[in-house]
Amino acid sequence: MVSLHRTIRSIRRVGLREWWRQMQYIGDAKSGTYVGKDQFGNRYFENRNAEEEIPGRHRWADFAQHDFNATQIPPEWHSWISHIRKDPPTNDPVMQNLSPPWKAPYVENLTGTRGAYKPYNTVVPKINAWEPKVKARA
């Protein structure tokens, strides 16, 4: 539950329009420092003030798409947002130098969408379903 004091403070910091957008999409009024942006357009924020944010919830993503899910976060940003890495990928020299040239670009999980993988079978089935034959009555 968002307190009245926190709501007013958040409206002053981020503005009424951004506050309304946050309430519609993440259901919470948050304000923090902008950390970076990924290739999908998702923006990442952090608020290290312990009086304003609960520890463990001080990093969050503002998704670019309206039908968002967790697979839209690339692995580099996932490690930062899940507290596996201390520094974000934009500031971490290890993450910037670690990307091998053979690495394929990240694609979100498309299960349950029209772009999902659907295998097809080219083998003749071993068991055929029964097909009744109807004879005309005499």
N, C-alpha and C. Protein backbone atom coordinates (compact mmCIF):
# COMPACT_ATOMS: atom_id res chain seq x y z
N MET A 1 0.85 -1.18 0.00
CA MET A 1 0.00 0.00 0.00
C MET A 1 0.89 1.24 0.00
N VAL A 2 0.53 2.17 -0.79
CA VAL A 2 1.30 3.39 -0.92
C VAL A 2 0.76 4.43 0.06
N SER A 3 1.64 5.01 0.87
CA SER A 3 1.20 6.01 1.83
C SER A 3 0.98 7.35 1.13
N LEU A 4 0.23 8.21 1.75
CA LEU A 4 -0.08 9.52 1.18
C LEU A 4 1.19 10.36 1.06
N HIS A 5 2.03 10.31 2.09
CA HIS A 5 3.27 11.08 2.07
C HIS A 5 4.19 10.61 0.93
N ARG A 6 4.31 9.31 0.76
CA ARG A 6 5.15 8.77 -0.31
C ARG A 6 4.57 9.11 -1.68
N THR A 7 3.25 9.10 -1.81
CA THR A 7 2.60 9.43 -3.08
C THR A 7 2.87 10.88 -3.46
N ILE A 8 2.71 11.80 -2.52
CA ILE A 8 2.95 13.22 -2.80
C ILE A 8 4.41 13.46 -3.14
N ARG A 9 5.32 12.82 -2.41
CA ARG A 9 6.74 12.95 -2.70
C ARG A 9 7.08 12.42 -4.10
N SER A 10 6.46 11.32 -4.47
CA SER A 10 6.71 10.75 -5.79
C SER A 10 6.15 11.63 -6.91
N ILE A 11 4.98 12.22 -6.70
CA ILE A 11 4.40 13.12 -7.70
C ILE A 11 5.30 14.33 -7.90
N ARG A 12 5.84 14.86 -6.82
CA ARG A 12 6.75 16.01 -6.94
C ARG A 12 8.02 15.66 -7.69
N ARG A 13 8.54 14.45 -7.49
CA ARG A 13 9.81 14.07 -8.11
C ARG A 13 9.66 13.69 -9.59
N VAL A 14 8.66 12.88 -9.91
CA VAL A 14 8.56 12.37 -11.28
C VAL A 14 7.52 13.09 -12.12
N GLY A 15 6.66 13.85 -11.51
CA GLY A 15 5.61 14.55 -12.25
C GLY A 15 4.32 13.74 -12.23
N LEU A 16 3.22 14.44 -12.45
CA LEU A 16 1.90 13.82 -12.38
C LEU A 16 1.70 12.79 -13.48
N ARG A 17 2.15 13.06 -14.68
CA ARG A 17 1.95 12.14 -15.80
C ARG A 17 2.71 10.82 -15.60
N GLU A 18 3.98 10.91 -15.21
CA GLU A 18 4.78 9.71 -14.98
C GLU A 18 4.27 8.95 -13.76
N TRP A 19 3.82 9.66 -12.73
CA TRP A 19 3.26 9.00 -11.56
C TRP A 19 2.02 8.20 -11.94
N TRP A 20 1.14 8.78 -12.76
CA TRP A 20 -0.07 8.08 -13.20
C TRP A 20 0.29 6.85 -14.03
N ARG A 21 1.28 6.99 -14.89
CA ARG A 21 1.73 5.85 -15.71
C ARG A 21 2.26 4.72 -14.82
N GLN A 22 3.05 5.07 -13.80
CA GLN A 22 3.57 4.06 -12.89
C GLN A 22 2.44 3.35 -12.13
N MET A 23 1.45 4.09 -11.71
CA MET A 23 0.34 3.49 -11.00
C MET A 23 -0.45 2.55 -11.90
N GLN A 24 -0.53 2.85 -13.19
CA GLN A 24 -1.26 1.98 -14.11
C GLN A 24 -0.48 0.72 -14.45
N TYR A 25 0.84 0.81 -14.57
CA TYR A 25 1.63 -0.32 -15.05
C TYR A 25 2.32 -1.12 -13.95
N ILE A 26 2.92 -0.48 -12.97
CA ILE A 26 3.59 -1.26 -11.92
C ILE A 26 2.84 -1.22 -10.60
N GLY A 27 1.83 -0.37 -10.49
CA GLY A 27 0.99 -0.34 -9.30
C GLY A 27 1.65 0.24 -8.08
N ASP A 28 2.73 1.01 -8.28
CA ASP A 28 3.45 1.58 -7.16
C ASP A 28 4.06 2.90 -7.61
N ALA A 29 4.16 3.83 -6.69
CA ALA A 29 4.77 5.13 -6.99
C ALA A 29 6.24 5.06 -6.62
N LYS A 30 7.12 5.09 -7.61
CA LYS A 30 8.56 4.97 -7.36
C LYS A 30 9.29 6.15 -7.99
N SER A 31 10.35 6.55 -7.34
CA SER A 31 11.23 7.57 -7.90
C SER A 31 12.66 7.16 -7.59
N GLY A 32 13.52 7.30 -8.58
CA GLY A 32 14.91 6.91 -8.39
C GLY A 32 15.77 7.46 -9.50
N THR A 33 17.03 7.07 -9.49
CA THR A 33 17.96 7.54 -10.51
C THR A 33 17.93 6.61 -11.71
N TYR A 34 18.00 7.21 -12.88
CA TYR A 34 18.03 6.47 -14.14
C TYR A 34 19.39 5.81 -14.28
N VAL A 35 19.41 4.50 -14.54
CA VAL A 35 20.66 3.75 -14.63
C VAL A 35 21.04 3.46 -16.07
N GLY A 36 20.08 3.07 -16.89
CA GLY A 36 20.40 2.76 -18.27
C GLY A 36 19.20 2.26 -19.04
N LYS A 37 19.47 1.91 -20.30
CA LYS A 37 18.43 1.46 -21.23
C LYS A 37 18.99 0.30 -22.03
N ASP A 38 18.16 -0.72 -22.30
CA ASP A 38 18.62 -1.87 -23.07
C ASP A 38 18.19 -1.75 -24.53
N GLN A 39 18.47 -2.81 -25.32
CA GLN A 39 18.18 -2.75 -26.74
C GLN A 39 16.70 -2.82 -27.05
N PHE A 40 15.86 -3.21 -26.11
CA PHE A 40 14.42 -3.26 -26.32
C PHE A 40 13.73 -1.95 -25.95
N GLY A 41 14.45 -1.03 -25.35
CA GLY A 41 13.86 0.23 -24.93
C GLY A 41 13.43 0.25 -23.48
N ASN A 42 13.67 -0.82 -22.74
CA ASN A 42 13.33 -0.86 -21.32
C ASN A 42 14.28 0.05 -20.55
N ARG A 43 13.73 0.82 -19.62
CA ARG A 43 14.55 1.71 -18.80
C ARG A 43 14.69 1.11 -17.41
N TYR A 44 15.87 1.31 -16.81
CA TYR A 44 16.17 0.72 -15.50
C TYR A 44 16.49 1.82 -14.51
N PHE A 45 15.95 1.66 -13.28
CA PHE A 45 16.09 2.66 -12.25
C PHE A 45 16.57 2.02 -10.95
N GLU A 46 17.10 2.88 -10.08
CA GLU A 46 17.58 2.43 -8.78
C GLU A 46 17.37 3.54 -7.76
N ASN A 47 16.94 3.16 -6.56
CA ASN A 47 16.79 4.09 -5.45
C ASN A 47 17.44 3.46 -4.24
N ARG A 48 18.60 3.97 -3.85
CA ARG A 48 19.39 3.37 -2.77
C ARG A 48 18.99 3.91 -1.39
N ASN A 49 18.04 4.82 -1.31
CA ASN A 49 17.62 5.38 -0.03
C ASN A 49 16.79 4.35 0.73
N ALA A 50 17.30 3.86 1.86
CA ALA A 50 16.63 2.81 2.62
C ALA A 50 15.34 3.28 3.27
N GLU A 51 15.18 4.59 3.46
CA GLU A 51 13.95 5.10 4.07
C GLU A 51 12.79 5.10 3.08
N GLU A 52 13.10 5.14 1.77
CA GLU A 52 12.05 5.22 0.76
C GLU A 52 11.69 3.86 0.16
N GLU A 53 12.68 3.00 -0.01
CA GLU A 53 12.44 1.72 -0.67
C GLU A 53 12.81 0.56 0.25
N ILE A 54 12.10 -0.52 0.10
CA ILE A 54 12.37 -1.74 0.84
C ILE A 54 13.63 -2.37 0.26
N PRO A 55 14.56 -2.83 1.08
CA PRO A 55 15.75 -3.49 0.53
C PRO A 55 15.35 -4.70 -0.32
N GLY A 56 15.98 -4.82 -1.48
CA GLY A 56 15.62 -5.87 -2.42
C GLY A 56 14.64 -5.42 -3.47
N ARG A 57 13.97 -4.30 -3.24
CA ARG A 57 13.03 -3.75 -4.22
C ARG A 57 13.46 -2.37 -4.68
N HIS A 58 14.73 -2.05 -4.53
CA HIS A 58 15.20 -0.72 -4.88
C HIS A 58 15.69 -0.64 -6.32
N ARG A 59 15.62 -1.72 -7.09
CA ARG A 59 15.93 -1.70 -8.52
C ARG A 59 14.69 -2.18 -9.27
N TRP A 60 14.36 -1.48 -10.35
CA TRP A 60 13.19 -1.89 -11.11
C TRP A 60 13.35 -1.50 -12.57
N ALA A 61 12.52 -2.13 -13.40
CA ALA A 61 12.54 -1.89 -14.84
C ALA A 61 11.23 -1.25 -15.26
N ASP A 62 11.33 -0.30 -16.16
CA ASP A 62 10.16 0.32 -16.78
C ASP A 62 10.11 -0.23 -18.21
N PHE A 63 9.19 -1.16 -18.46
CA PHE A 63 9.13 -1.85 -19.73
C PHE A 63 8.63 -0.95 -20.84
N ALA A 64 9.17 -1.14 -22.03
CA ALA A 64 8.77 -0.35 -23.19
C ALA A 64 7.44 -0.84 -23.76
N GLN A 65 7.20 -2.14 -23.70
CA GLN A 65 5.96 -2.70 -24.23
C GLN A 65 4.90 -2.75 -23.13
N HIS A 66 3.64 -2.69 -23.55
CA HIS A 66 2.56 -2.71 -22.56
C HIS A 66 2.25 -4.11 -22.08
N ASP A 67 2.46 -5.13 -22.93
CA ASP A 67 2.24 -6.52 -22.50
C ASP A 67 3.57 -7.10 -22.05
N PHE A 68 4.04 -6.64 -20.89
CA PHE A 68 5.38 -6.97 -20.43
C PHE A 68 5.41 -8.28 -19.66
N ASN A 69 6.58 -8.93 -19.71
CA ASN A 69 6.88 -10.08 -18.87
C ASN A 69 8.38 -10.11 -18.62
N ALA A 70 8.81 -10.97 -17.74
CA ALA A 70 10.20 -10.98 -17.30
C ALA A 70 11.18 -11.42 -18.39
N THR A 71 10.72 -12.11 -19.43
CA THR A 71 11.65 -12.55 -20.48
C THR A 71 12.05 -11.41 -21.40
N GLN A 72 11.48 -10.24 -21.24
CA GLN A 72 11.87 -9.09 -22.05
C GLN A 72 13.10 -8.38 -21.49
N ILE A 73 13.63 -8.87 -20.37
CA ILE A 73 14.85 -8.31 -19.81
C ILE A 73 16.03 -9.15 -20.27
N PRO A 74 17.02 -8.57 -20.94
CA PRO A 74 18.19 -9.33 -21.39
C PRO A 74 19.00 -9.86 -20.21
N PRO A 75 19.83 -10.89 -20.43
CA PRO A 75 20.58 -11.51 -19.32
C PRO A 75 21.49 -10.54 -18.59
N GLU A 76 22.10 -9.60 -19.30
CA GLU A 76 23.00 -8.65 -18.65
C GLU A 76 22.26 -7.82 -17.61
N TRP A 77 21.07 -7.33 -17.99
CA TRP A 77 20.29 -6.52 -17.07
C TRP A 77 19.62 -7.38 -16.01
N HIS A 78 19.30 -8.60 -16.34
CA HIS A 78 18.70 -9.51 -15.36
C HIS A 78 19.65 -9.76 -14.20
N SER A 79 20.94 -9.92 -14.51
CA SER A 79 21.90 -10.15 -13.43
C SER A 79 22.02 -8.93 -12.52
N TRP A 80 21.85 -7.74 -13.08
CA TRP A 80 21.92 -6.54 -12.25
C TRP A 80 20.64 -6.37 -11.43
N ILE A 81 19.49 -6.56 -12.06
CA ILE A 81 18.22 -6.31 -11.37
C ILE A 81 17.95 -7.37 -10.30
N SER A 82 18.56 -8.56 -10.45
CA SER A 82 18.40 -9.64 -9.46
C SER A 82 19.51 -9.62 -8.41
N HIS A 83 20.32 -8.59 -8.38
CA HIS A 83 21.39 -8.40 -7.39
C HIS A 83 22.48 -9.46 -7.51
N ILE A 84 22.68 -10.01 -8.70
CA ILE A 84 23.80 -10.92 -8.93
C ILE A 84 25.07 -10.10 -9.18
N ARG A 85 24.92 -8.98 -9.86
CA ARG A 85 26.04 -8.07 -10.11
C ARG A 85 25.78 -6.75 -9.41
N LYS A 86 26.85 -6.13 -8.97
CA LYS A 86 26.75 -4.87 -8.23
C LYS A 86 26.51 -3.69 -9.17
N ASP A 87 27.28 -3.65 -10.26
CA ASP A 87 27.20 -2.53 -11.20
C ASP A 87 26.31 -2.88 -12.39
N PRO A 88 25.60 -1.90 -12.93
CA PRO A 88 24.79 -2.16 -14.13
C PRO A 88 25.69 -2.43 -15.34
N PRO A 89 25.18 -3.07 -16.37
CA PRO A 89 26.00 -3.40 -17.55
C PRO A 89 26.61 -2.19 -18.24
N THR A 90 26.01 -1.03 -18.10
CA THR A 90 26.57 0.17 -18.72
C THR A 90 27.84 0.63 -18.03
N ASN A 91 28.02 0.31 -16.74
CA ASN A 91 29.19 0.74 -15.98
C ASN A 91 30.16 -0.38 -15.65
N ASP A 92 29.77 -1.63 -15.91
CA ASP A 92 30.57 -2.78 -15.52
C ASP A 92 31.54 -3.16 -16.65
N PRO A 93 32.85 -2.99 -16.45
CA PRO A 93 33.79 -3.32 -17.53
C PRO A 93 33.84 -4.81 -17.86
N VAL A 94 33.57 -5.65 -16.88
CA VAL A 94 33.57 -7.09 -17.13
C VAL A 94 32.44 -7.46 -18.09
N MET A 95 31.26 -6.92 -17.88
CA MET A 95 30.12 -7.22 -18.74
C MET A 95 30.31 -6.66 -20.14
N GLN A 96 30.97 -5.53 -20.26
CA GLN A 96 31.19 -4.94 -21.58
C GLN A 96 32.22 -5.71 -22.38
N ASN A 97 33.23 -6.27 -21.73
CA ASN A 97 34.27 -7.02 -22.43
C ASN A 97 33.98 -8.51 -22.52
N LEU A 98 32.92 -8.97 -21.88
CA LEU A 98 32.63 -10.39 -21.81
C LEU A 98 31.83 -10.91 -23.00
N SER A 99 31.20 -10.04 -23.74
CA SER A 99 30.34 -10.48 -24.83
C SER A 99 31.16 -11.07 -25.98
N PRO A 100 31.06 -12.39 -26.22
CA PRO A 100 31.84 -13.00 -27.30
C PRO A 100 31.26 -12.65 -28.67
N PRO A 101 32.08 -12.72 -29.72
CA PRO A 101 31.59 -12.35 -31.05
C PRO A 101 30.57 -13.34 -31.62
N TRP A 102 30.55 -14.57 -31.13
CA TRP A 102 29.63 -15.56 -31.64
C TRP A 102 28.27 -15.54 -30.95
N LYS A 103 28.11 -14.69 -29.98
CA LYS A 103 26.88 -14.65 -29.20
C LYS A 103 25.72 -14.12 -30.05
N ALA A 104 24.63 -14.86 -30.05
CA ALA A 104 23.44 -14.46 -30.81
C ALA A 104 22.70 -13.36 -30.05
N PRO A 105 22.00 -12.50 -30.75
CA PRO A 105 21.23 -11.46 -30.06
C PRO A 105 20.10 -12.09 -29.23
N TYR A 106 19.80 -11.47 -28.11
CA TYR A 106 18.79 -11.99 -27.20
C TYR A 106 17.40 -11.79 -27.78
N VAL A 107 16.58 -12.82 -27.68
CA VAL A 107 15.18 -12.77 -28.12
C VAL A 107 14.33 -13.21 -26.94
N GLU A 108 13.25 -12.50 -26.69
CA GLU A 108 12.40 -12.85 -25.57
C GLU A 108 11.70 -14.19 -25.83
N ASN A 109 11.20 -14.81 -24.77
CA ASN A 109 10.49 -16.07 -24.87
C ASN A 109 9.14 -15.83 -25.53
N LEU A 110 8.88 -16.50 -26.63
CA LEU A 110 7.66 -16.27 -27.40
C LEU A 110 6.60 -17.35 -27.15
N THR A 111 6.76 -18.16 -26.11
CA THR A 111 5.79 -19.20 -25.81
C THR A 111 4.43 -18.57 -25.53
N GLY A 112 3.40 -19.12 -26.14
CA GLY A 112 2.05 -18.60 -25.95
C GLY A 112 1.69 -17.48 -26.89
N THR A 113 2.56 -17.13 -27.81
CA THR A 113 2.28 -16.09 -28.79
C THR A 113 2.27 -16.69 -30.19
N ARG A 114 2.00 -15.88 -31.19
CA ARG A 114 2.00 -16.36 -32.57
C ARG A 114 3.40 -16.71 -33.05
N GLY A 115 4.41 -16.17 -32.42
CA GLY A 115 5.78 -16.43 -32.82
C GLY A 115 6.40 -17.64 -32.15
N ALA A 116 5.63 -18.41 -31.41
CA ALA A 116 6.17 -19.57 -30.69
C ALA A 116 6.60 -20.66 -31.66
N TYR A 117 7.56 -21.45 -31.25
CA TYR A 117 8.05 -22.56 -32.06
C TYR A 117 7.02 -23.67 -32.08
N LYS A 118 6.67 -24.13 -33.29
CA LYS A 118 5.72 -25.23 -33.43
C LYS A 118 6.35 -26.26 -34.36
N PRO A 119 6.76 -27.40 -33.81
CA PRO A 119 7.37 -28.41 -34.67
C PRO A 119 6.31 -29.10 -35.53
N TYR A 120 6.72 -29.62 -36.65
CA TYR A 120 5.81 -30.39 -37.49
C TYR A 120 6.45 -31.74 -37.75
N ASN A 121 5.61 -32.73 -38.04
CA ASN A 121 6.08 -34.10 -38.18
C ASN A 121 6.02 -34.50 -39.65
N THR A 122 7.11 -35.06 -40.15
CA THR A 122 7.15 -35.52 -41.53
C THR A 122 7.09 -37.04 -41.63
N VAL A 123 6.99 -37.73 -40.51
CA VAL A 123 6.97 -39.19 -40.47
C VAL A 123 5.52 -39.67 -40.54
N VAL A 124 5.31 -40.75 -41.31
CA VAL A 124 3.97 -41.34 -41.39
C VAL A 124 3.65 -41.97 -40.03
N PRO A 125 2.46 -41.72 -39.50
CA PRO A 125 2.13 -42.28 -38.19
C PRO A 125 2.05 -43.80 -38.23
N LYS A 126 2.49 -44.45 -37.15
CA LYS A 126 2.46 -45.90 -37.06
C LYS A 126 1.05 -46.40 -36.78
N ILE A 127 0.29 -45.61 -36.09
CA ILE A 127 -1.09 -45.99 -35.77
C ILE A 127 -2.01 -44.99 -36.44
N ASN A 128 -2.93 -45.49 -37.22
CA ASN A 128 -3.90 -44.61 -37.89
C ASN A 128 -5.22 -44.65 -37.13
N ALA A 129 -5.85 -43.54 -37.06
CA ALA A 129 -7.15 -43.47 -36.41
C ALA A 129 -8.18 -44.19 -37.27
N TRP A 130 -9.18 -44.77 -36.60
CA TRP A 130 -10.22 -45.50 -37.30
C TRP A 130 -11.11 -44.53 -38.05
N GLU A 131 -11.33 -44.82 -39.30
CA GLU A 131 -12.22 -43.99 -40.11
C GLU A 131 -13.37 -44.89 -40.54
N PRO A 132 -14.55 -44.68 -40.00
CA PRO A 132 -15.67 -45.55 -40.35
C PRO A 132 -16.14 -45.31 -41.79
N LYS A 133 -16.55 -46.39 -42.41
CA LYS A 133 -17.07 -46.31 -43.78
C LYS A 133 -18.57 -46.55 -43.72
N VAL A 134 -19.28 -45.62 -44.23
CA VAL A 134 -20.74 -45.71 -44.18
C VAL A 134 -21.24 -46.31 -45.48
N LYS A 135 -22.07 -47.37 -45.36
CA LYS A 135 -22.67 -47.99 -46.54
C LYS A 135 -24.12 -47.50 -46.64
N ALA A 136 -24.53 -47.34 -47.87
CA ALA A 136 -25.92 -46.91 -48.11
C ALA A 136 -26.86 -48.06 -47.77
N ARG A 137 -28.01 -47.79 -47.16
CA ARG A 137 -29.00 -48.80 -46.82
C ARG A 137 -29.79 -49.15 -48.05
N ALA A 138 -30.11 -50.40 -48.10
CA ALA A 138 -30.87 -50.86 -49.26
C ALA A 138 -32.33 -51.02 -48.94
